[in-house]
């Protein structure tokens, strides 16, 4: 009985740590796409491919409190960029 509870507890800790690691990876990947946002631009009109990928990653990173602040800031910047430069 105690062994089963210990195993469950360790599995919960493992799952939580993986969620945090996944969110950090998501925000880092989002930043990479954000930095490449101008790739594929034609004149003043920017491609939406990289900025949409950045928005997707930042939106998922909002779900964890550790990355919520940075994800929110980058998400707002990404939406602004998309509205200003990628949409006619």
PDB file of N, CA and C in Angstrom:
ATOM      1  N   UNK A   1       0.822  -1.191   0.000  1.00  0.00           N
ATOM      2  CA  UNK A   1       0.000   0.000   0.000  1.00  0.00           C
ATOM      3  C   UNK A   1       0.869   1.258   0.000  1.00  0.00           C
ATOM      4  N   UNK A   2       1.858   1.291   0.884  1.00  0.00           N
ATOM      5  CA  UNK A   2       2.729   2.459   0.957  1.00  0.00           C
ATOM      6  C   UNK A   2       3.582   2.594  -0.299  1.00  0.00           C
ATOM      7  N   UNK A   3       3.972   1.467  -0.852  1.00  0.00           N
ATOM      8  CA  UNK A   3       4.785   1.478  -2.071  1.00  0.00           C
ATOM      9  C   UNK A   3       3.978   2.046  -3.233  1.00  0.00           C
ATOM     10  N   UNK A   4       2.714   1.655  -3.325  1.00  0.00           N
ATOM     11  CA  UNK A   4       1.852   2.170  -4.390  1.00  0.00           C
ATOM     12  C   UNK A   4       1.660   3.677  -4.260  1.00  0.00           C
ATOM     13  N   UNK A   5       1.473   4.147  -3.043  1.00  0.00           N
ATOM     14  CA  UNK A   5       1.303   5.591  -2.827  1.00  0.00           C
ATOM     15  C   UNK A   5       2.582   6.339  -3.187  1.00  0.00           C
ATOM     16  N   UNK A   6       3.719   5.769  -2.842  1.00  0.00           N
ATOM     17  CA  UNK A   6       4.994   6.388  -3.178  1.00  0.00           C
ATOM     18  C   UNK A   6       5.175   6.452  -4.692  1.00  0.00           C
ATOM     19  N   UNK A   7       4.828   5.374  -5.374  1.00  0.00           N
ATOM     20  CA  UNK A   7       4.935   5.345  -6.838  1.00  0.00           C
ATOM     21  C   UNK A   7       4.013   6.389  -7.457  1.00  0.00           C
ATOM     22  N   UNK A   8       2.788   6.491  -6.968  1.00  0.00           N
ATOM     23  CA  UNK A   8       1.846   7.496  -7.482  1.00  0.00           C
ATOM     24  C   UNK A   8       2.374   8.910  -7.256  1.00  0.00           C
ATOM     25  N   UNK A   9       2.904   9.145  -6.066  1.00  0.00           N
ATOM     26  CA  UNK A   9       3.456  10.461  -5.752  1.00  0.00           C
ATOM     27  C   UNK A   9       4.615  10.807  -6.688  1.00  0.00           C
ATOM     28  N   UNK A  10       5.502   9.859  -6.905  1.00  0.00           N
ATOM     29  CA  UNK A  10       6.634  10.091  -7.801  1.00  0.00           C
ATOM     30  C   UNK A  10       6.177  10.321  -9.238  1.00  0.00           C
ATOM     31  N   UNK A  11       5.152   9.612  -9.666  1.00  0.00           N
ATOM     32  CA  UNK A  11       4.607   9.822 -11.011  1.00  0.00           C
ATOM     33  C   UNK A  11       3.997  11.212 -11.154  1.00  0.00           C
ATOM     34  N   UNK A  12       3.315  11.670 -10.130  1.00  0.00           N
ATOM     35  CA  UNK A  12       2.740  13.021 -10.163  1.00  0.00           C
ATOM     36  C   UNK A  12       3.847  14.061 -10.251  1.00  0.00           C
ATOM     37  N   UNK A  13       4.876  13.918  -9.446  1.00  0.00           N
ATOM     38  CA  UNK A  13       6.011  14.847  -9.478  1.00  0.00           C
ATOM     39  C   UNK A  13       6.668  14.828 -10.851  1.00  0.00           C
ATOM     40  N   UNK A  14       6.848  13.648 -11.403  1.00  0.00           N
ATOM     41  CA  UNK A  14       7.454  13.525 -12.731  1.00  0.00           C
ATOM     42  C   UNK A  14       6.601  14.226 -13.788  1.00  0.00           C
ATOM     43  N   UNK A  15       5.303  13.998 -13.750  1.00  0.00           N
ATOM     44  CA  UNK A  15       4.407  14.626 -14.736  1.00  0.00           C
ATOM     45  C   UNK A  15       4.426  16.148 -14.624  1.00  0.00           C
ATOM     46  N   UNK A  16       4.415  16.654 -13.411  1.00  0.00           N
ATOM     47  CA  UNK A  16       4.467  18.108 -13.222  1.00  0.00           C
ATOM     48  C   UNK A  16       5.773  18.694 -13.737  1.00  0.00           C
ATOM     49  N   UNK A  17       6.870  18.015 -13.471  1.00  0.00           N
ATOM     50  CA  UNK A  17       8.157  18.524 -13.951  1.00  0.00           C
ATOM     51  C   UNK A  17       8.228  18.486 -15.474  1.00  0.00           C
ATOM     52  N   UNK A  18       7.621  17.484 -16.084  1.00  0.00           N
ATOM     53  CA  UNK A  18       7.598  17.411 -17.551  1.00  0.00           C
ATOM     54  C   UNK A  18       6.737  18.522 -18.141  1.00  0.00           C
ATOM     55  N   UNK A  19       5.642  18.877 -17.461  1.00  0.00           N
ATOM     56  CA  UNK A  19       4.803  19.980 -17.932  1.00  0.00           C
ATOM     57  C   UNK A  19       5.584  21.289 -17.910  1.00  0.00           C
ATOM     58  N   UNK A  20       6.335  21.509 -16.852  1.00  0.00           N
ATOM     59  CA  UNK A  20       7.136  22.727 -16.737  1.00  0.00           C
ATOM     60  C   UNK A  20       8.214  22.749 -17.809  1.00  0.00           C
ATOM     61  N   UNK A  21       8.886  21.636 -17.998  1.00  0.00           N
ATOM     62  CA  UNK A  21       9.929  21.562 -19.030  1.00  0.00           C
ATOM     63  C   UNK A  21       9.340  21.773 -20.412  1.00  0.00           C
ATOM     64  N   UNK A  22       8.171  21.232 -20.646  1.00  0.00           N
ATOM     65  CA  UNK A  22       7.506  21.391 -21.941  1.00  0.00           C
ATOM     66  C   UNK A  22       7.139  22.846 -22.189  1.00  0.00           C
ATOM     67  N   UNK A  23       6.662  23.529 -21.169  1.00  0.00           N
ATOM     68  CA  UNK A  23       6.302  24.942 -21.320  1.00  0.00           C
ATOM     69  C   UNK A  23       7.534  25.789 -21.610  1.00  0.00           C
ATOM     70  N   UNK A  24       8.645  25.484 -20.929  1.00  0.00           N
ATOM     71  CA  UNK A  24       9.878  26.229 -21.188  1.00  0.00           C
ATOM     72  C   UNK A  24      10.370  25.983 -22.602  1.00  0.00           C
ATOM     73  N   UNK A  25      10.260  24.746 -23.053  1.00  0.00           N
ATOM     74  CA  UNK A  25      10.656  24.436 -24.428  1.00  0.00           C
ATOM     75  C   UNK A  25       9.743  25.153 -25.405  1.00  0.00           C
ATOM     76  N   UNK A  26       8.457  25.211 -25.081  1.00  0.00           N
ATOM     77  CA  UNK A  26       7.495  25.899 -25.941  1.00  0.00           C
ATOM     78  C   UNK A  26       7.779  27.377 -26.058  1.00  0.00           C
ATOM     79  N   UNK A  27       8.111  28.011 -24.951  1.00  0.00           N
ATOM     80  CA  UNK A  27       8.394  29.448 -25.003  1.00  0.00           C
ATOM     81  C   UNK A  27       9.702  29.699 -25.743  1.00  0.00           C
ATOM     82  N   UNK A  28      10.694  28.835 -25.559  1.00  0.00           N
ATOM     83  CA  UNK A  28      11.961  29.007 -26.287  1.00  0.00           C
ATOM     84  C   UNK A  28      11.762  28.827 -27.784  1.00  0.00           C
ATOM     85  N   UNK A  29      10.961  27.841 -28.151  1.00  0.00           N
ATOM     86  CA  UNK A  29      10.672  27.620 -29.565  1.00  0.00           C
ATOM     87  C   UNK A  29       9.873  28.800 -30.134  1.00  0.00           C
ATOM     88  N   UNK A  30       8.955  29.316 -29.327  1.00  0.00           N
ATOM     89  CA  UNK A  30       8.179  30.482 -29.746  1.00  0.00           C
ATOM     90  C   UNK A  30       9.060  31.696 -29.988  1.00  0.00           C
ATOM     91  N   UNK A  31      10.043  31.904 -29.120  1.00  0.00           N
ATOM     92  CA  UNK A  31      10.973  33.029 -29.284  1.00  0.00           C
ATOM     93  C   UNK A  31      11.778  32.866 -30.572  1.00  0.00           C
ATOM     94  N   UNK A  32      12.177  31.634 -30.871  1.00  0.00           N
ATOM     95  CA  UNK A  32      12.916  31.395 -32.124  1.00  0.00           C
ATOM     96  C   UNK A  32      12.068  31.763 -33.335  1.00  0.00           C
ATOM     97  N   UNK A  33      10.803  31.347 -33.333  1.00  0.00           N
ATOM     98  CA  UNK A  33       9.916  31.704 -34.443  1.00  0.00           C
ATOM     99  C   UNK A  33       9.677  33.214 -34.488  1.00  0.00           C
ATOM    100  N   UNK A  34       9.548  33.827 -33.315  1.00  0.00           N
ATOM    101  CA  UNK A  34       9.334  35.275 -33.260  1.00  0.00           C
ATOM    102  C   UNK A  34      10.528  36.017 -33.866  1.00  0.00           C
ATOM    103  N   UNK A  35      11.718  35.549 -33.577  1.00  0.00           N
ATOM    104  CA  UNK A  35      12.911  36.198 -34.116  1.00  0.00           C
ATOM    105  C   UNK A  35      13.045  36.003 -35.623  1.00  0.00           C
ATOM    106  N   UNK A  36      12.392  34.979 -36.160  1.00  0.00           N
ATOM    107  CA  UNK A  36      12.425  34.721 -37.606  1.00  0.00           C
ATOM    108  C   UNK A  36      11.166  35.247 -38.297  1.00  0.00           C
ATOM    109  N   UNK A  37      10.414  36.106 -37.632  1.00  0.00           N
ATOM    110  CA  UNK A  37       9.113  36.544 -38.139  1.00  0.00           C
ATOM    111  C   UNK A  37       9.173  37.269 -39.471  1.00  0.00           C
ATOM    112  N   UNK A  38      10.291  37.880 -39.809  1.00  0.00           N
ATOM    113  CA  UNK A  38      10.384  38.639 -41.062  1.00  0.00           C
ATOM    114  C   UNK A  38      10.723  37.760 -42.262  1.00  0.00           C
ATOM    115  N   UNK A  39      11.095  36.508 -42.024  1.00  0.00           N
ATOM    116  CA  UNK A  39      11.441  35.620 -43.141  1.00  0.00           C
ATOM    117  C   UNK A  39      10.222  35.381 -44.028  1.00  0.00           C
ATOM    118  N   UNK A  40      10.426  35.435 -45.319  1.00  0.00           N
ATOM    119  CA  UNK A  40       9.337  35.216 -46.268  1.00  0.00           C
ATOM    120  C   UNK A  40       8.529  36.458 -46.570  1.00  0.00           C
ATOM    121  N   UNK A  41       8.998  37.600 -46.084  1.00  0.00           N
ATOM    122  CA  UNK A  41       8.277  38.853 -46.330  1.00  0.00           C
ATOM    123  C   UNK A  41       8.381  39.256 -47.786  1.00  0.00           C
ATOM    124  N   UNK A  42       7.336  39.884 -48.273  1.00  0.00           N
ATOM    125  CA  UNK A  42       7.324  40.419 -49.632  1.00  0.00           C
ATOM    126  C   UNK A  42       6.974  41.892 -49.536  1.00  0.00           C
ATOM    127  N   UNK A  43       8.014  42.717 -49.651  1.00  0.00           N
ATOM    128  CA  UNK A  43       7.795  44.154 -49.488  1.00  0.00           C
ATOM    129  C   UNK A  43       7.429  44.458 -48.049  1.00  0.00           C
ATOM    130  N   UNK A  44       6.358  45.190 -47.862  1.00  0.00           N
ATOM    131  CA  UNK A  44       5.912  45.545 -46.509  1.00  0.00           C
ATOM    132  C   UNK A  44       5.062  44.439 -45.880  1.00  0.00           C
ATOM    133  N   UNK A  45       4.572  43.520 -46.680  1.00  0.00           N
ATOM    134  CA  UNK A  45       3.709  42.453 -46.177  1.00  0.00           C
ATOM    135  C   UNK A  45       4.541  41.253 -45.707  1.00  0.00           C
ATOM    136  N   UNK A  46       4.410  40.936 -44.443  1.00  0.00           N
ATOM    137  CA  UNK A  46       5.171  39.825 -43.855  1.00  0.00           C
ATOM    138  C   UNK A  46       4.417  38.508 -44.017  1.00  0.00           C
ATOM    139  N   UNK A  47       5.159  37.443 -44.056  1.00  0.00           N
ATOM    140  CA  UNK A  47       4.571  36.101 -44.086  1.00  0.00           C
ATOM    141  C   UNK A  47       3.998  35.781 -42.702  1.00  0.00           C
ATOM    142  N   UNK A  48       2.899  35.058 -42.664  1.00  0.00           N
ATOM    143  CA  UNK A  48       2.286  34.713 -41.379  1.00  0.00           C
ATOM    144  C   UNK A  48       2.769  33.367 -40.836  1.00  0.00           C
ATOM    145  N   UNK A  49       3.576  32.657 -41.593  1.00  0.00           N
ATOM    146  CA  UNK A  49       3.978  31.300 -41.201  1.00  0.00           C
ATOM    147  C   UNK A  49       4.682  31.270 -39.844  1.00  0.00           C
ATOM    148  N   UNK A  50       5.773  31.998 -39.686  1.00  0.00           N
ATOM    149  CA  UNK A  50       6.540  31.952 -38.433  1.00  0.00           C
ATOM    150  C   UNK A  50       5.807  32.627 -37.281  1.00  0.00           C
ATOM    151  N   UNK A  51       5.113  33.718 -37.555  1.00  0.00           N
ATOM    152  CA  UNK A  51       4.432  34.416 -36.461  1.00  0.00           C
ATOM    153  C   UNK A  51       3.268  33.569 -35.941  1.00  0.00           C
ATOM    154  N   UNK A  52       2.609  32.816 -36.819  1.00  0.00           N
ATOM    155  CA  UNK A  52       1.536  31.923 -36.359  1.00  0.00           C
ATOM    156  C   UNK A  52       2.090  30.796 -35.489  1.00  0.00           C
ATOM    157  N   UNK A  53       3.263  30.276 -35.845  1.00  0.00           N
ATOM    158  CA  UNK A  53       3.897  29.232 -35.030  1.00  0.00           C
ATOM    159  C   UNK A  53       4.309  29.800 -33.671  1.00  0.00           C
ATOM    160  N   UNK A  54       4.803  31.040 -33.674  1.00  0.00           N
ATOM    161  CA  UNK A  54       5.176  31.688 -32.415  1.00  0.00           C
ATOM    162  C   UNK A  54       3.943  31.860 -31.530  1.00  0.00           C
ATOM    163  N   UNK A  55       2.849  32.331 -32.113  1.00  0.00           N
ATOM    164  CA  UNK A  55       1.609  32.529 -31.354  1.00  0.00           C
ATOM    165  C   UNK A  55       1.125  31.209 -30.760  1.00  0.00           C
ATOM    166  N   UNK A  56       1.207  30.155 -31.517  1.00  0.00           N
ATOM    167  CA  UNK A  56       0.784  28.831 -31.037  1.00  0.00           C
ATOM    168  C   UNK A  56       1.618  28.392 -29.829  1.00  0.00           C
ATOM    169  N   UNK A  57       2.939  28.582 -29.912  1.00  0.00           N
ATOM    170  CA  UNK A  57       3.819  28.189 -28.800  1.00  0.00           C
ATOM    171  C   UNK A  57       3.594  29.048 -27.566  1.00  0.00           C
ATOM    172  N   UNK A  58       3.435  30.351 -27.751  1.00  0.00           N
ATOM    173  CA  UNK A  58       3.212  31.234 -26.606  1.00  0.00           C
ATOM    174  C   UNK A  58       1.858  30.964 -25.956  1.00  0.00           C
ATOM    175  N   UNK A  59       0.864  30.633 -26.759  1.00  0.00           N
ATOM    176  CA  UNK A  59      -0.461  30.317 -26.209  1.00  0.00           C
ATOM    177  C   UNK A  59      -0.399  29.080 -25.323  1.00  0.00           C
ATOM    178  N   UNK A  60       0.349  28.056 -25.740  1.00  0.00           N
ATOM    179  CA  UNK A  60       0.477  26.862 -24.890  1.00  0.00           C
ATOM    180  C   UNK A  60       1.284  27.151 -23.632  1.00  0.00           C
ATOM    181  N   UNK A  61       2.267  28.043 -23.734  1.00  0.00           N
ATOM    182  CA  UNK A  61       3.108  28.356 -22.573  1.00  0.00           C
ATOM    183  C   UNK A  61       2.342  29.149 -21.516  1.00  0.00           C
ATOM    184  N   UNK A  62       1.220  29.735 -21.885  1.00  0.00           N
ATOM    185  CA  UNK A  62       0.406  30.469 -20.911  1.00  0.00           C
ATOM    186  C   UNK A  62      -0.165  29.557 -19.826  1.00  0.00           C
ATOM    187  N   UNK A  63      -0.229  28.284 -20.087  1.00  0.00           N
ATOM    188  CA  UNK A  63      -0.864  27.346 -19.166  1.00  0.00           C
ATOM    189  C   UNK A  63      -0.032  27.045 -17.927  1.00  0.00           C
ATOM    190  N   UNK A  64       1.246  27.400 -17.929  1.00  0.00           N
ATOM    191  CA  UNK A  64       2.078  27.152 -16.749  1.00  0.00           C
ATOM    192  C   UNK A  64       2.471  28.470 -16.102  1.00  0.00           C
ATOM    193  N   UNK A  65       2.291  28.560 -14.800  1.00  0.00           N
ATOM    194  CA  UNK A  65       2.584  29.806 -14.089  1.00  0.00           C
ATOM    195  C   UNK A  65       4.037  30.281 -14.231  1.00  0.00           C
ATOM    196  N   UNK A  66       4.983  29.349 -14.385  1.00  0.00           N
ATOM    197  CA  UNK A  66       6.394  29.729 -14.460  1.00  0.00           C
ATOM    198  C   UNK A  66       6.706  30.542 -15.710  1.00  0.00           C
ATOM    199  N   UNK A  67       6.006  30.280 -16.794  1.00  0.00           N
ATOM    200  CA  UNK A  67       6.309  30.978 -18.046  1.00  0.00           C
ATOM    201  C   UNK A  67       5.199  31.930 -18.468  1.00  0.00           C
ATOM    202  N   UNK A  68       4.196  32.078 -17.627  1.00  0.00           N
ATOM    203  CA  UNK A  68       3.017  32.872 -17.986  1.00  0.00           C
ATOM    204  C   UNK A  68       3.364  34.327 -18.319  1.00  0.00           C
ATOM    205  N   UNK A  69       4.210  34.952 -17.524  1.00  0.00           N
ATOM    206  CA  UNK A  69       4.540  36.366 -17.728  1.00  0.00           C
ATOM    207  C   UNK A  69       5.253  36.583 -19.065  1.00  0.00           C
ATOM    208  N   UNK A  70       6.301  35.811 -19.317  1.00  0.00           N
ATOM    209  CA  UNK A  70       7.044  35.950 -20.575  1.00  0.00           C
ATOM    210  C   UNK A  70       6.183  35.574 -21.770  1.00  0.00           C
ATOM    211  N   UNK A  71       5.402  34.521 -21.620  1.00  0.00           N
ATOM    212  CA  UNK A  71       4.535  34.079 -22.719  1.00  0.00           C
ATOM    213  C   UNK A  71       3.511  35.156 -23.062  1.00  0.00           C
ATOM    214  N   UNK A  72       2.963  35.804 -22.049  1.00  0.00           N
ATOM    215  CA  UNK A  72       1.982  36.868 -22.281  1.00  0.00           C
ATOM    216  C   UNK A  72       2.604  38.025 -23.037  1.00  0.00           C
ATOM    217  N   UNK A  73       3.783  38.440 -22.618  1.00  0.00           N
ATOM    218  CA  UNK A  73       4.462  39.557 -23.281  1.00  0.00           C
ATOM    219  C   UNK A  73       4.747  39.234 -24.747  1.00  0.00           C
ATOM    220  N   UNK A  74       5.321  38.072 -24.996  1.00  0.00           N
ATOM    221  CA  UNK A  74       5.631  37.691 -26.377  1.00  0.00           C
ATOM    222  C   UNK A  74       4.368  37.468 -27.205  1.00  0.00           C
ATOM    223  N   UNK A  75       3.325  36.963 -26.580  1.00  0.00           N
ATOM    224  CA  UNK A  75       2.075  36.744 -27.304  1.00  0.00           C
ATOM    225  C   UNK A  75       1.486  38.079 -27.756  1.00  0.00           C
ATOM    226  N   UNK A  76       1.497  39.063 -26.875  1.00  0.00           N
ATOM    227  CA  UNK A  76       1.006  40.397 -27.247  1.00  0.00           C
ATOM    228  C   UNK A  76       1.843  41.008 -28.366  1.00  0.00           C
ATOM    229  N   UNK A  77       3.163  40.877 -28.260  1.00  0.00           N
ATOM    230  CA  UNK A  77       4.042  41.406 -29.307  1.00  0.00           C
ATOM    231  C   UNK A  77       3.797  40.697 -30.637  1.00  0.00           C
ATOM    232  N   UNK A  78       3.543  39.391 -30.569  1.00  0.00           N
ATOM    233  CA  UNK A  78       3.291  38.619 -31.789  1.00  0.00           C
ATOM    234  C   UNK A  78       1.987  39.032 -32.451  1.00  0.00           C
ATOM    235  N   UNK A  79       0.939  39.217 -31.654  1.00  0.00           N
ATOM    236  CA  UNK A  79      -0.342  39.660 -32.222  1.00  0.00           C
ATOM    237  C   UNK A  79      -0.215  41.059 -32.831  1.00  0.00           C
ATOM    238  N   UNK A  80       0.535  41.932 -32.165  1.00  0.00           N
ATOM    239  CA  UNK A  80       0.743  43.276 -32.709  1.00  0.00           C
ATOM    240  C   UNK A  80       1.466  43.195 -34.052  1.00  0.00           C
ATOM    241  N   UNK A  81       2.531  42.410 -34.105  1.00  0.00           N
ATOM    242  CA  UNK A  81       3.294  42.268 -35.348  1.00  0.00           C
ATOM    243  C   UNK A  81       2.410  41.721 -36.462  1.00  0.00           C
ATOM    244  N   UNK A  82       1.634  40.706 -36.132  1.00  0.00           N
ATOM    245  CA  UNK A  82       0.770  40.096 -37.146  1.00  0.00           C
ATOM    246  C   UNK A  82      -0.247  41.108 -37.671  1.00  0.00           C
ATOM    247  N   UNK A  83      -0.853  41.860 -36.776  1.00  0.00           N
ATOM    248  CA  UNK A  83      -1.857  42.844 -37.192  1.00  0.00           C
ATOM    249  C   UNK A  83      -1.233  43.988 -37.985  1.00  0.00           C
ATOM    250  N   UNK A  84      -0.044  44.395 -37.603  1.00  0.00           N
ATOM    251  CA  UNK A  84       0.595  45.553 -38.236  1.00  0.00           C
ATOM    252  C   UNK A  84       1.253  45.216 -39.571  1.00  0.00           C
ATOM    253  N   UNK A  85       1.893  44.058 -39.659  1.00  0.00           N
ATOM    254  CA  UNK A  85       2.727  43.776 -40.829  1.00  0.00           C
ATOM    255  C   UNK A  85       2.314  42.559 -41.662  1.00  0.00           C
ATOM    256  N   UNK A  86       1.523  41.655 -41.108  1.00  0.00           N
ATOM    257  CA  UNK A  86       1.246  40.414 -41.826  1.00  0.00           C
ATOM    258  C   UNK A  86      -0.174  40.325 -42.390  1.00  0.00           C
ATOM    259  N   UNK A  87      -1.029  41.246 -42.025  1.00  0.00           N
ATOM    260  CA  UNK A  87      -2.414  41.211 -42.489  1.00  0.00           C
ATOM    261  C   UNK A  87      -2.694  42.468 -43.297  1.00  0.00           C
ATOM    262  N   UNK A  88      -3.325  42.272 -44.470  1.00  0.00           N
ATOM    263  CA  UNK A  88      -3.651  43.441 -45.295  1.00  0.00           C
ATOM    264  C   UNK A  88      -4.981  44.003 -44.892  1.00  0.00           C
TER     265      UNK A  88
END
